[in-house]
Amino acid sequence: MVARQETHQGSGAAGEPPEFAAAVAAMRAAVLRPEIFCEEMPAPQRIAPFATAMSADVTVDGEEVATGRIVLLHDPAGNEAWNGTFRCVAYCRAEIDHALATDPMLTDVGWTWLAEALAAHEAAHTALSGTVTRVATESYGTMAGDGGSAQLEVRASWTPTDAPALAAHVEAWAELLCTAGGLEPVPDGVAVMPSRRGQRGATL
């Protein structure tokens, strides 16, 4: 994978704290499923002195079923609100069955997907917070025949306590995208390996 880095304190490796550079390298080393295409994106420049960001799309049979992004923020001086020097900020949006949009448990389930993904990948963290939103759209008039649509959005942030070893955090975010997109878990005994490009994977 490729991650773009945005900083306020100089550009290039010479201007980066070693811990941040190591965290970025660890994020790039994350192993993702073949349905995920991950690439760099511009990182926010005014939230923290150092930041890097990735975006991803999950595609099945040529159809995009989920999309998202993950941003890593770093403040070497620490941030009281984060309770640490690093903060992960993640977003996930997935198309869901229109009938599910009225399920009162849907938002709880969406949050559980994230918590379980972090736990499954042993992504050590604290101060997890966020929101889960369901959006239902109805069509009318000449568009009535198109039917309705619905999406689930998860926005979350957490403080990793195992930085700079952050590959597990990227992998947990990627699992959230796949779960929200309706993909079945990878069966036990099936390894997911990075491809030569490092942005797609292949199963063995």
N, C-alpha and C. Protein backbone atom coordinates (compact mmCIF):
# COMPACT_ATOMS: atom_id res chain seq x y z
N MET A 1 0.84 -1.19 0.00
CA MET A 1 0.00 0.00 0.00
C MET A 1 0.87 1.24 0.00
N VAL A 2 0.30 2.35 -0.39
CA VAL A 2 1.02 3.60 -0.42
C VAL A 2 0.28 4.58 0.46
N ALA A 3 1.00 5.27 1.31
CA ALA A 3 0.38 6.26 2.18
C ALA A 3 1.01 7.61 1.94
N ARG A 4 0.19 8.62 1.87
CA ARG A 4 0.69 9.97 1.68
C ARG A 4 0.85 10.63 3.04
N GLN A 5 1.92 11.33 3.24
CA GLN A 5 2.20 11.95 4.53
C GLN A 5 2.12 13.47 4.39
N GLU A 6 1.43 14.10 5.33
CA GLU A 6 1.33 15.55 5.36
C GLU A 6 1.86 16.02 6.71
N THR A 7 2.77 16.98 6.71
CA THR A 7 3.31 17.45 7.98
C THR A 7 3.36 18.97 7.98
N HIS A 8 3.50 19.53 9.17
CA HIS A 8 3.69 20.96 9.33
C HIS A 8 5.15 21.28 9.62
N GLN A 9 5.92 20.29 10.02
CA GLN A 9 7.27 20.53 10.49
C GLN A 9 8.29 19.99 9.49
N GLY A 10 8.27 20.58 8.30
CA GLY A 10 9.22 20.15 7.30
C GLY A 10 8.66 19.02 6.47
N SER A 11 9.26 18.76 5.33
CA SER A 11 8.80 17.72 4.44
C SER A 11 9.88 16.68 4.26
N GLY A 12 9.46 15.45 3.91
CA GLY A 12 10.42 14.40 3.71
C GLY A 12 10.77 13.72 5.01
N ALA A 13 11.53 12.63 4.90
CA ALA A 13 11.85 11.82 6.07
C ALA A 13 12.60 12.60 7.13
N ALA A 14 13.40 13.59 6.71
CA ALA A 14 14.21 14.33 7.67
C ALA A 14 13.36 15.11 8.66
N GLY A 15 12.12 15.46 8.25
CA GLY A 15 11.27 16.23 9.13
C GLY A 15 10.32 15.42 9.97
N GLU A 16 10.40 14.08 9.88
CA GLU A 16 9.47 13.21 10.59
C GLU A 16 10.12 12.59 11.82
N PRO A 17 9.38 12.54 12.93
CA PRO A 17 9.88 11.78 14.08
C PRO A 17 10.03 10.31 13.70
N PRO A 18 11.05 9.64 14.18
CA PRO A 18 11.24 8.22 13.84
C PRO A 18 10.04 7.36 14.18
N GLU A 19 9.35 7.68 15.29
CA GLU A 19 8.20 6.88 15.68
C GLU A 19 7.06 7.01 14.67
N PHE A 20 6.88 8.20 14.11
CA PHE A 20 5.85 8.39 13.10
C PHE A 20 6.21 7.65 11.82
N ALA A 21 7.48 7.76 11.40
CA ALA A 21 7.93 7.05 10.20
C ALA A 21 7.73 5.55 10.35
N ALA A 22 8.01 5.02 11.55
CA ALA A 22 7.83 3.59 11.79
C ALA A 22 6.36 3.21 11.74
N ALA A 23 5.50 4.08 12.25
CA ALA A 23 4.06 3.82 12.23
C ALA A 23 3.53 3.78 10.80
N VAL A 24 3.99 4.70 9.97
CA VAL A 24 3.57 4.73 8.56
C VAL A 24 4.02 3.46 7.85
N ALA A 25 5.26 3.04 8.11
CA ALA A 25 5.77 1.81 7.50
C ALA A 25 4.94 0.61 7.92
N ALA A 26 4.53 0.58 9.19
CA ALA A 26 3.73 -0.54 9.69
C ALA A 26 2.36 -0.54 9.02
N MET A 27 1.77 0.62 8.83
CA MET A 27 0.47 0.70 8.17
C MET A 27 0.56 0.19 6.73
N ARG A 28 1.64 0.53 6.06
CA ARG A 28 1.84 0.08 4.68
C ARG A 28 1.98 -1.44 4.61
N ALA A 29 2.44 -2.05 5.68
CA ALA A 29 2.68 -3.49 5.69
C ALA A 29 1.42 -4.30 5.99
N ALA A 30 0.31 -3.64 6.25
CA ALA A 30 -0.94 -4.35 6.55
C ALA A 30 -1.32 -5.26 5.39
N VAL A 31 -1.86 -6.42 5.71
CA VAL A 31 -2.28 -7.40 4.71
C VAL A 31 -3.80 -7.34 4.57
N LEU A 32 -4.25 -7.11 3.34
CA LEU A 32 -5.68 -6.92 3.09
C LEU A 32 -6.22 -7.98 2.15
N ARG A 33 -7.53 -8.15 2.17
CA ARG A 33 -8.19 -9.12 1.29
C ARG A 33 -8.15 -8.65 -0.16
N PRO A 34 -8.27 -9.60 -1.12
CA PRO A 34 -8.20 -9.23 -2.53
C PRO A 34 -9.35 -8.35 -2.99
N GLU A 35 -10.45 -8.33 -2.25
CA GLU A 35 -11.58 -7.49 -2.65
C GLU A 35 -11.34 -6.01 -2.34
N ILE A 36 -10.27 -5.71 -1.61
CA ILE A 36 -10.00 -4.34 -1.16
C ILE A 36 -8.93 -3.69 -2.03
N PHE A 37 -9.22 -2.51 -2.53
CA PHE A 37 -8.22 -1.70 -3.21
C PHE A 37 -7.93 -0.50 -2.32
N CYS A 38 -6.70 -0.41 -1.86
CA CYS A 38 -6.30 0.64 -0.92
C CYS A 38 -5.25 1.53 -1.57
N GLU A 39 -5.40 2.83 -1.39
CA GLU A 39 -4.44 3.76 -1.98
C GLU A 39 -4.29 4.99 -1.10
N GLU A 40 -3.29 5.79 -1.44
CA GLU A 40 -3.04 6.99 -0.66
C GLU A 40 -4.11 8.03 -0.90
N MET A 41 -4.25 8.93 0.05
CA MET A 41 -5.13 10.08 -0.11
C MET A 41 -4.54 11.22 0.71
N PRO A 42 -4.88 12.46 0.37
CA PRO A 42 -4.34 13.59 1.14
C PRO A 42 -4.79 13.50 2.60
N ALA A 43 -3.86 13.76 3.49
CA ALA A 43 -4.17 13.73 4.92
C ALA A 43 -4.55 15.12 5.40
N PRO A 44 -5.37 15.21 6.45
CA PRO A 44 -5.70 16.53 7.01
C PRO A 44 -4.43 17.21 7.52
N GLN A 45 -4.38 18.52 7.35
CA GLN A 45 -3.14 19.24 7.67
C GLN A 45 -3.22 20.13 8.89
N ARG A 46 -4.39 20.27 9.50
CA ARG A 46 -4.50 21.21 10.61
C ARG A 46 -4.95 20.55 11.91
N ILE A 47 -5.07 19.23 11.91
CA ILE A 47 -5.52 18.57 13.13
C ILE A 47 -4.35 18.19 14.02
N ALA A 48 -3.23 17.80 13.40
CA ALA A 48 -2.06 17.36 14.16
C ALA A 48 -0.81 17.73 13.37
N PRO A 49 0.34 17.82 14.04
CA PRO A 49 1.58 18.16 13.32
C PRO A 49 1.94 17.17 12.22
N PHE A 50 1.60 15.91 12.41
CA PHE A 50 1.92 14.88 11.43
C PHE A 50 0.69 14.01 11.18
N ALA A 51 0.47 13.65 9.93
CA ALA A 51 -0.69 12.82 9.60
C ALA A 51 -0.43 12.06 8.31
N THR A 52 -1.04 10.90 8.21
CA THR A 52 -1.02 10.12 6.98
C THR A 52 -2.40 9.50 6.80
N ALA A 53 -2.77 9.22 5.56
CA ALA A 53 -4.13 8.75 5.32
C ALA A 53 -4.19 7.74 4.19
N MET A 54 -5.15 6.84 4.27
CA MET A 54 -5.41 5.84 3.25
C MET A 54 -6.91 5.78 2.99
N SER A 55 -7.28 5.46 1.76
CA SER A 55 -8.67 5.21 1.43
C SER A 55 -8.77 3.82 0.84
N ALA A 56 -9.96 3.24 0.90
CA ALA A 56 -10.14 1.89 0.37
C ALA A 56 -11.55 1.71 -0.15
N ASP A 57 -11.66 0.90 -1.19
CA ASP A 57 -12.95 0.48 -1.75
C ASP A 57 -13.00 -1.04 -1.72
N VAL A 58 -14.15 -1.57 -1.37
CA VAL A 58 -14.37 -3.02 -1.40
C VAL A 58 -15.29 -3.32 -2.58
N THR A 59 -14.81 -4.14 -3.50
CA THR A 59 -15.55 -4.43 -4.72
C THR A 59 -15.78 -5.93 -4.86
N VAL A 60 -17.00 -6.31 -5.15
CA VAL A 60 -17.37 -7.71 -5.36
C VAL A 60 -18.08 -7.83 -6.70
N ASP A 61 -17.54 -8.65 -7.59
CA ASP A 61 -18.13 -8.85 -8.92
C ASP A 61 -18.35 -7.52 -9.64
N GLY A 62 -17.37 -6.64 -9.51
CA GLY A 62 -17.43 -5.36 -10.21
C GLY A 62 -18.30 -4.31 -9.55
N GLU A 63 -18.90 -4.63 -8.40
CA GLU A 63 -19.78 -3.69 -7.70
C GLU A 63 -19.14 -3.25 -6.40
N GLU A 64 -19.10 -1.94 -6.18
CA GLU A 64 -18.55 -1.41 -4.93
C GLU A 64 -19.58 -1.61 -3.82
N VAL A 65 -19.19 -2.31 -2.76
CA VAL A 65 -20.11 -2.59 -1.66
C VAL A 65 -19.78 -1.81 -0.40
N ALA A 66 -18.57 -1.26 -0.33
CA ALA A 66 -18.19 -0.48 0.84
C ALA A 66 -16.99 0.40 0.48
N THR A 67 -16.89 1.50 1.18
CA THR A 67 -15.76 2.41 0.98
C THR A 67 -15.41 3.03 2.32
N GLY A 68 -14.19 3.52 2.44
CA GLY A 68 -13.81 4.12 3.71
C GLY A 68 -12.43 4.75 3.66
N ARG A 69 -12.01 5.26 4.79
CA ARG A 69 -10.69 5.86 4.91
C ARG A 69 -10.21 5.71 6.35
N ILE A 70 -8.90 5.76 6.51
CA ILE A 70 -8.32 5.74 7.84
C ILE A 70 -7.20 6.77 7.88
N VAL A 71 -7.17 7.55 8.92
CA VAL A 71 -6.18 8.62 9.08
C VAL A 71 -5.42 8.36 10.38
N LEU A 72 -4.11 8.51 10.31
CA LEU A 72 -3.29 8.43 11.52
C LEU A 72 -2.77 9.81 11.84
N LEU A 73 -3.08 10.28 13.04
CA LEU A 73 -2.60 11.58 13.51
C LEU A 73 -1.50 11.36 14.54
N HIS A 74 -0.51 12.26 14.53
CA HIS A 74 0.58 12.13 15.50
C HIS A 74 0.99 13.52 15.99
N ASP A 75 1.01 13.65 17.30
CA ASP A 75 1.50 14.86 17.95
C ASP A 75 2.57 14.44 18.96
N PRO A 76 3.85 14.65 18.65
CA PRO A 76 4.92 14.20 19.55
C PRO A 76 4.80 14.76 20.97
N ALA A 77 4.15 15.92 21.11
CA ALA A 77 3.99 16.53 22.43
C ALA A 77 2.84 15.91 23.21
N GLY A 78 2.07 15.06 22.55
CA GLY A 78 0.93 14.45 23.22
C GLY A 78 -0.31 15.32 23.10
N ASN A 79 -1.45 14.68 23.22
CA ASN A 79 -2.72 15.39 23.14
C ASN A 79 -3.61 14.88 24.27
N GLU A 80 -4.02 15.79 25.13
CA GLU A 80 -4.81 15.39 26.30
C GLU A 80 -6.11 14.70 25.90
N ALA A 81 -6.74 15.16 24.83
CA ALA A 81 -8.00 14.55 24.40
C ALA A 81 -7.79 13.13 23.90
N TRP A 82 -6.60 12.84 23.34
CA TRP A 82 -6.31 11.50 22.84
C TRP A 82 -5.84 10.57 23.94
N ASN A 83 -5.25 11.14 24.99
CA ASN A 83 -4.59 10.33 26.02
C ASN A 83 -3.42 9.56 25.40
N GLY A 84 -2.67 10.26 24.54
CA GLY A 84 -1.53 9.64 23.88
C GLY A 84 -0.96 10.57 22.83
N THR A 85 -0.03 10.05 22.01
CA THR A 85 0.59 10.85 20.96
C THR A 85 0.10 10.46 19.57
N PHE A 86 -0.65 9.36 19.46
CA PHE A 86 -1.21 8.93 18.18
C PHE A 86 -2.73 8.83 18.30
N ARG A 87 -3.41 9.00 17.18
CA ARG A 87 -4.85 8.82 17.14
C ARG A 87 -5.24 8.30 15.76
N CYS A 88 -6.02 7.23 15.73
CA CYS A 88 -6.57 6.69 14.49
C CYS A 88 -7.98 7.23 14.32
N VAL A 89 -8.28 7.69 13.12
CA VAL A 89 -9.61 8.18 12.78
C VAL A 89 -10.09 7.40 11.56
N ALA A 90 -11.21 6.73 11.68
CA ALA A 90 -11.67 5.83 10.60
C ALA A 90 -13.09 6.14 10.19
N TYR A 91 -13.37 5.83 8.93
CA TYR A 91 -14.71 6.03 8.36
C TYR A 91 -15.03 4.83 7.48
N CYS A 92 -16.29 4.40 7.52
CA CYS A 92 -16.76 3.29 6.70
C CYS A 92 -18.18 3.60 6.24
N ARG A 93 -18.44 3.38 4.95
CA ARG A 93 -19.80 3.52 4.42
C ARG A 93 -20.10 2.30 3.55
N ALA A 94 -21.25 1.70 3.77
CA ALA A 94 -21.61 0.50 3.01
C ALA A 94 -23.07 0.54 2.62
N GLU A 95 -23.36 0.00 1.45
CA GLU A 95 -24.73 -0.16 1.03
C GLU A 95 -25.35 -1.33 1.80
N ILE A 96 -26.59 -1.17 2.26
CA ILE A 96 -27.27 -2.23 2.98
C ILE A 96 -28.66 -2.43 2.40
N ASP A 97 -29.26 -3.55 2.74
CA ASP A 97 -30.62 -3.81 2.29
C ASP A 97 -31.55 -2.73 2.85
N HIS A 98 -32.41 -2.21 1.98
CA HIS A 98 -33.28 -1.10 2.40
C HIS A 98 -34.13 -1.47 3.61
N ALA A 99 -34.52 -2.72 3.72
CA ALA A 99 -35.36 -3.14 4.84
C ALA A 99 -34.61 -3.07 6.16
N LEU A 100 -33.28 -3.19 6.12
CA LEU A 100 -32.49 -3.17 7.36
C LEU A 100 -32.41 -1.78 7.97
N ALA A 101 -32.66 -0.76 7.19
CA ALA A 101 -32.51 0.61 7.68
C ALA A 101 -33.44 0.92 8.84
N THR A 102 -34.54 0.18 8.96
CA THR A 102 -35.50 0.43 10.04
C THR A 102 -35.26 -0.47 11.25
N ASP A 103 -34.26 -1.32 11.17
CA ASP A 103 -33.97 -2.22 12.28
C ASP A 103 -33.37 -1.41 13.43
N PRO A 104 -34.01 -1.39 14.60
CA PRO A 104 -33.50 -0.58 15.71
C PRO A 104 -32.15 -1.05 16.24
N MET A 105 -31.75 -2.28 15.92
CA MET A 105 -30.49 -2.81 16.40
C MET A 105 -29.34 -2.57 15.42
N LEU A 106 -29.64 -2.00 14.27
CA LEU A 106 -28.62 -1.89 13.23
C LEU A 106 -27.41 -1.09 13.68
N THR A 107 -27.61 0.04 14.34
CA THR A 107 -26.47 0.85 14.74
C THR A 107 -25.62 0.14 15.79
N ASP A 108 -26.28 -0.57 16.70
CA ASP A 108 -25.53 -1.34 17.70
C ASP A 108 -24.68 -2.42 17.02
N VAL A 109 -25.26 -3.05 16.03
CA VAL A 109 -24.53 -4.09 15.31
C VAL A 109 -23.33 -3.49 14.58
N GLY A 110 -23.53 -2.34 13.94
CA GLY A 110 -22.43 -1.69 13.24
C GLY A 110 -21.27 -1.35 14.15
N TRP A 111 -21.58 -0.88 15.36
CA TRP A 111 -20.51 -0.57 16.31
C TRP A 111 -19.82 -1.84 16.80
N THR A 112 -20.60 -2.90 16.98
CA THR A 112 -20.03 -4.17 17.40
C THR A 112 -19.05 -4.70 16.35
N TRP A 113 -19.35 -4.50 15.07
CA TRP A 113 -18.43 -4.94 14.02
C TRP A 113 -17.05 -4.32 14.21
N LEU A 114 -17.02 -3.03 14.52
CA LEU A 114 -15.73 -2.36 14.71
C LEU A 114 -15.02 -2.89 15.95
N ALA A 115 -15.73 -2.95 17.06
CA ALA A 115 -15.11 -3.42 18.31
C ALA A 115 -14.57 -4.84 18.16
N GLU A 116 -15.34 -5.70 17.49
CA GLU A 116 -14.90 -7.08 17.32
C GLU A 116 -13.72 -7.17 16.37
N ALA A 117 -13.67 -6.33 15.35
CA ALA A 117 -12.55 -6.34 14.41
C ALA A 117 -11.26 -5.92 15.12
N LEU A 118 -11.33 -4.88 15.95
CA LEU A 118 -10.15 -4.45 16.70
C LEU A 118 -9.67 -5.56 17.63
N ALA A 119 -10.61 -6.22 18.28
CA ALA A 119 -10.24 -7.30 19.20
C ALA A 119 -9.66 -8.49 18.44
N ALA A 120 -10.27 -8.85 17.31
CA ALA A 120 -9.82 -10.02 16.55
C ALA A 120 -8.40 -9.84 16.03
N HIS A 121 -8.05 -8.62 15.68
CA HIS A 121 -6.71 -8.35 15.16
C HIS A 121 -5.73 -7.93 16.25
N GLU A 122 -6.19 -7.97 17.50
CA GLU A 122 -5.35 -7.61 18.65
C GLU A 122 -4.75 -6.22 18.47
N ALA A 123 -5.58 -5.31 17.99
CA ALA A 123 -5.17 -3.92 17.83
C ALA A 123 -5.40 -3.20 19.16
N ALA A 124 -4.37 -3.14 19.96
CA ALA A 124 -4.50 -2.58 21.31
C ALA A 124 -4.84 -1.09 21.24
N HIS A 125 -5.83 -0.68 22.03
CA HIS A 125 -6.28 0.70 21.93
C HIS A 125 -6.98 1.13 23.21
N THR A 126 -7.23 2.43 23.28
CA THR A 126 -8.01 3.00 24.37
C THR A 126 -8.80 4.18 23.80
N ALA A 127 -9.72 4.71 24.61
CA ALA A 127 -10.50 5.90 24.25
C ALA A 127 -11.20 5.75 22.90
N LEU A 128 -11.85 4.61 22.69
CA LEU A 128 -12.61 4.39 21.46
C LEU A 128 -13.91 5.18 21.51
N SER A 129 -14.20 5.92 20.45
CA SER A 129 -15.45 6.69 20.41
C SER A 129 -15.89 6.83 18.96
N GLY A 130 -17.16 7.16 18.77
CA GLY A 130 -17.63 7.34 17.41
C GLY A 130 -19.14 7.32 17.29
N THR A 131 -19.59 7.25 16.05
CA THR A 131 -21.02 7.24 15.77
C THR A 131 -21.33 6.23 14.66
N VAL A 132 -22.56 5.75 14.66
CA VAL A 132 -23.04 4.88 13.59
C VAL A 132 -24.34 5.51 13.08
N THR A 133 -24.42 5.72 11.78
CA THR A 133 -25.56 6.39 11.17
C THR A 133 -26.16 5.52 10.09
N ARG A 134 -27.47 5.43 10.05
CA ARG A 134 -28.16 4.74 8.96
C ARG A 134 -28.90 5.78 8.15
N VAL A 135 -28.79 5.66 6.85
CA VAL A 135 -29.40 6.63 5.95
C VAL A 135 -30.28 5.89 4.97
N ALA A 136 -31.56 6.23 4.92
CA ALA A 136 -32.50 5.61 3.99
C ALA A 136 -32.98 6.65 2.99
N THR A 137 -33.01 6.29 1.72
CA THR A 137 -33.43 7.19 0.67
C THR A 137 -34.60 6.58 -0.10
N GLU A 138 -35.66 7.37 -0.26
CA GLU A 138 -36.83 6.93 -1.02
C GLU A 138 -36.89 7.70 -2.34
N SER A 139 -37.38 7.04 -3.37
CA SER A 139 -37.49 7.68 -4.69
C SER A 139 -38.96 7.96 -5.02
N TYR A 140 -39.21 9.10 -5.66
CA TYR A 140 -40.58 9.51 -5.97
C TYR A 140 -40.69 10.01 -7.40
N GLY A 141 -41.92 10.20 -7.83
CA GLY A 141 -42.18 10.74 -9.16
C GLY A 141 -41.66 9.81 -10.24
N THR A 142 -40.97 10.39 -11.22
CA THR A 142 -40.46 9.57 -12.32
C THR A 142 -39.35 8.63 -11.88
N MET A 143 -38.84 8.83 -10.66
CA MET A 143 -37.79 7.95 -10.15
C MET A 143 -38.34 6.88 -9.21
N ALA A 144 -39.64 6.83 -9.06
CA ALA A 144 -40.24 5.90 -8.10
C ALA A 144 -39.90 4.45 -8.42
N GLY A 145 -39.73 4.16 -9.69
CA GLY A 145 -39.42 2.79 -10.07
C GLY A 145 -38.03 2.34 -9.67
N ASP A 146 -37.18 3.30 -9.30
CA ASP A 146 -35.81 2.94 -8.89
C ASP A 146 -35.77 2.28 -7.52
N GLY A 147 -36.84 2.42 -6.75
CA GLY A 147 -36.85 1.85 -5.41
C GLY A 147 -36.01 2.68 -4.45
N GLY A 148 -35.94 2.22 -3.21
CA GLY A 148 -35.18 2.95 -2.21
C GLY A 148 -33.77 2.40 -2.07
N SER A 149 -32.96 3.10 -1.34
CA SER A 149 -31.60 2.65 -1.04
C SER A 149 -31.28 3.00 0.40
N ALA A 150 -30.27 2.35 0.93
CA ALA A 150 -29.89 2.60 2.32
C ALA A 150 -28.39 2.39 2.49
N GLN A 151 -27.82 3.16 3.39
CA GLN A 151 -26.40 3.06 3.68
C GLN A 151 -26.18 3.06 5.19
N LEU A 152 -25.10 2.43 5.59
CA LEU A 152 -24.66 2.44 6.98
C LEU A 152 -23.32 3.14 7.03
N GLU A 153 -23.17 4.11 7.93
CA GLU A 153 -21.92 4.83 8.06
C GLU A 153 -21.38 4.69 9.48
N VAL A 154 -20.11 4.34 9.59
CA VAL A 154 -19.44 4.24 10.88
C VAL A 154 -18.30 5.24 10.89
N ARG A 155 -18.29 6.11 11.88
CA ARG A 155 -17.20 7.06 12.09
C ARG A 155 -16.65 6.81 13.49
N ALA A 156 -15.36 6.62 13.57
CA ALA A 156 -14.79 6.26 14.87
C ALA A 156 -13.36 6.77 14.98
N SER A 157 -12.92 6.90 16.21
CA SER A 157 -11.52 7.22 16.48
C SER A 157 -11.09 6.51 17.75
N TRP A 158 -9.82 6.21 17.82
CA TRP A 158 -9.27 5.54 18.99
C TRP A 158 -7.78 5.83 19.10
N THR A 159 -7.24 5.65 20.30
CA THR A 159 -5.82 5.86 20.56
C THR A 159 -5.12 4.51 20.59
N PRO A 160 -4.25 4.23 19.64
CA PRO A 160 -3.53 2.95 19.66
C PRO A 160 -2.50 2.95 20.80
N THR A 161 -2.47 1.88 21.54
CA THR A 161 -1.51 1.78 22.64
C THR A 161 -0.32 0.91 22.28
N ASP A 162 -0.30 0.42 21.03
CA ASP A 162 0.82 -0.41 20.57
C ASP A 162 1.61 0.27 19.46
N ALA A 163 1.44 1.59 19.31
CA ALA A 163 2.19 2.32 18.28
C ALA A 163 3.69 2.18 18.55
N PRO A 164 4.50 2.08 17.48
CA PRO A 164 4.15 2.31 16.08
C PRO A 164 3.72 1.05 15.30
N ALA A 165 3.47 -0.05 15.98
CA ALA A 165 3.08 -1.29 15.28
C ALA A 165 1.60 -1.23 14.93
N LEU A 166 1.27 -0.56 13.83
CA LEU A 166 -0.13 -0.24 13.54
C LEU A 166 -0.74 -1.04 12.39
N ALA A 167 -0.06 -2.05 11.89
CA ALA A 167 -0.64 -2.85 10.81
C ALA A 167 -1.97 -3.47 11.25
N ALA A 168 -2.05 -3.93 12.49
CA ALA A 168 -3.27 -4.56 12.98
C ALA A 168 -4.45 -3.60 12.97
N HIS A 169 -4.21 -2.33 13.17
CA HIS A 169 -5.28 -1.34 13.19
C HIS A 169 -5.84 -1.13 11.78
N VAL A 170 -4.95 -1.10 10.79
CA VAL A 170 -5.40 -0.99 9.40
C VAL A 170 -6.18 -2.24 9.01
N GLU A 171 -5.70 -3.40 9.42
CA GLU A 171 -6.38 -4.65 9.09
C GLU A 171 -7.75 -4.74 9.76
N ALA A 172 -7.87 -4.21 10.98
CA ALA A 172 -9.17 -4.20 11.64
C ALA A 172 -10.15 -3.27 10.92
N TRP A 173 -9.66 -2.10 10.51
CA TRP A 173 -10.50 -1.18 9.72
C TRP A 173 -10.94 -1.83 8.42
N ALA A 174 -10.03 -2.53 7.76
CA ALA A 174 -10.36 -3.21 6.51
C ALA A 174 -11.41 -4.30 6.74
N GLU A 175 -11.31 -5.00 7.87
CA GLU A 175 -12.31 -6.03 8.18
C GLU A 175 -13.68 -5.39 8.40
N LEU A 176 -13.71 -4.24 9.04
CA LEU A 176 -14.98 -3.53 9.21
C LEU A 176 -15.60 -3.23 7.85
N LEU A 177 -14.80 -2.76 6.90
CA LEU A 177 -15.31 -2.46 5.57
C LEU A 177 -15.92 -3.72 4.94
N CYS A 178 -15.22 -4.83 5.05
CA CYS A 178 -15.69 -6.07 4.43
C CYS A 178 -16.96 -6.58 5.11
N THR A 179 -17.00 -6.52 6.43
CA THR A 179 -18.17 -6.98 7.16
C THR A 179 -19.39 -6.12 6.82
N ALA A 180 -19.20 -4.81 6.83
CA ALA A 180 -20.30 -3.90 6.50
C ALA A 180 -20.77 -4.11 5.06
N GLY A 181 -19.84 -4.49 4.20
CA GLY A 181 -20.17 -4.73 2.80
C GLY A 181 -20.79 -6.08 2.54
N GLY A 182 -20.93 -6.90 3.58
CA GLY A 182 -21.60 -8.19 3.43
C GLY A 182 -20.71 -9.34 3.04
N LEU A 183 -19.38 -9.18 3.10
CA LEU A 183 -18.48 -10.27 2.76
C LEU A 183 -18.40 -11.28 3.89
N GLU A 184 -18.28 -12.54 3.54
CA GLU A 184 -18.10 -13.58 4.54
C GLU A 184 -16.67 -13.53 5.07
N PRO A 185 -16.45 -13.91 6.32
CA PRO A 185 -15.09 -13.94 6.86
C PRO A 185 -14.21 -14.90 6.08
N VAL A 186 -12.91 -14.63 6.05
CA VAL A 186 -11.97 -15.54 5.40
C VAL A 186 -11.93 -16.83 6.22
N PRO A 187 -12.13 -18.00 5.58
CA PRO A 187 -12.15 -19.26 6.34
C PRO A 187 -10.83 -19.52 7.05
N ASP A 188 -10.91 -20.21 8.17
CA ASP A 188 -9.71 -20.61 8.89
C ASP A 188 -8.83 -21.45 7.98
N GLY A 189 -7.54 -21.21 8.05
CA GLY A 189 -6.62 -21.98 7.22
C GLY A 189 -6.34 -21.38 5.87
N VAL A 190 -7.05 -20.29 5.53
CA VAL A 190 -6.81 -19.60 4.27
C VAL A 190 -6.02 -18.34 4.56
N ALA A 191 -4.84 -18.26 4.00
CA ALA A 191 -3.98 -17.10 4.25
C ALA A 191 -4.25 -16.02 3.22
N VAL A 192 -4.17 -14.77 3.66
CA VAL A 192 -4.31 -13.64 2.76
C VAL A 192 -2.94 -12.99 2.64
N MET A 193 -2.42 -12.97 1.43
CA MET A 193 -1.07 -12.46 1.20
C MET A 193 -1.11 -11.20 0.35
N PRO A 194 -0.19 -10.26 0.60
CA PRO A 194 -0.15 -9.06 -0.23
C PRO A 194 0.34 -9.38 -1.63
N SER A 195 -0.17 -8.64 -2.61
CA SER A 195 0.30 -8.83 -3.98
C SER A 195 1.58 -8.04 -4.19
N ARG A 196 2.11 -8.09 -5.40
CA ARG A 196 3.33 -7.36 -5.69
C ARG A 196 3.16 -5.87 -5.54
N ARG A 197 1.96 -5.37 -5.87
CA ARG A 197 1.71 -3.94 -5.75
C ARG A 197 1.54 -3.54 -4.30
N GLY A 198 1.18 -4.47 -3.45
CA GLY A 198 0.98 -4.15 -2.06
C GLY A 198 -0.35 -3.51 -1.77
N GLN A 199 -1.22 -3.38 -2.79
CA GLN A 199 -2.52 -2.75 -2.59
C GLN A 199 -3.66 -3.74 -2.71
N ARG A 200 -3.39 -4.86 -3.30
CA ARG A 200 -4.38 -5.92 -3.37
C ARG A 200 -3.77 -7.19 -2.82
N GLY A 201 -4.60 -8.12 -2.47
CA GLY A 201 -4.07 -9.36 -1.93
C GLY A 201 -4.56 -10.54 -2.74
N ALA A 202 -4.03 -11.70 -2.41
CA ALA A 202 -4.47 -12.93 -3.06
C ALA A 202 -4.54 -14.03 -2.02
N THR A 203 -5.53 -14.91 -2.12
CA THR A 203 -5.68 -15.96 -1.13
C THR A 203 -4.94 -17.20 -1.58
N LEU A 204 -4.46 -17.94 -0.59
CA LEU A 204 -3.75 -19.19 -0.84
C LEU A 204 -4.54 -20.34 -0.25
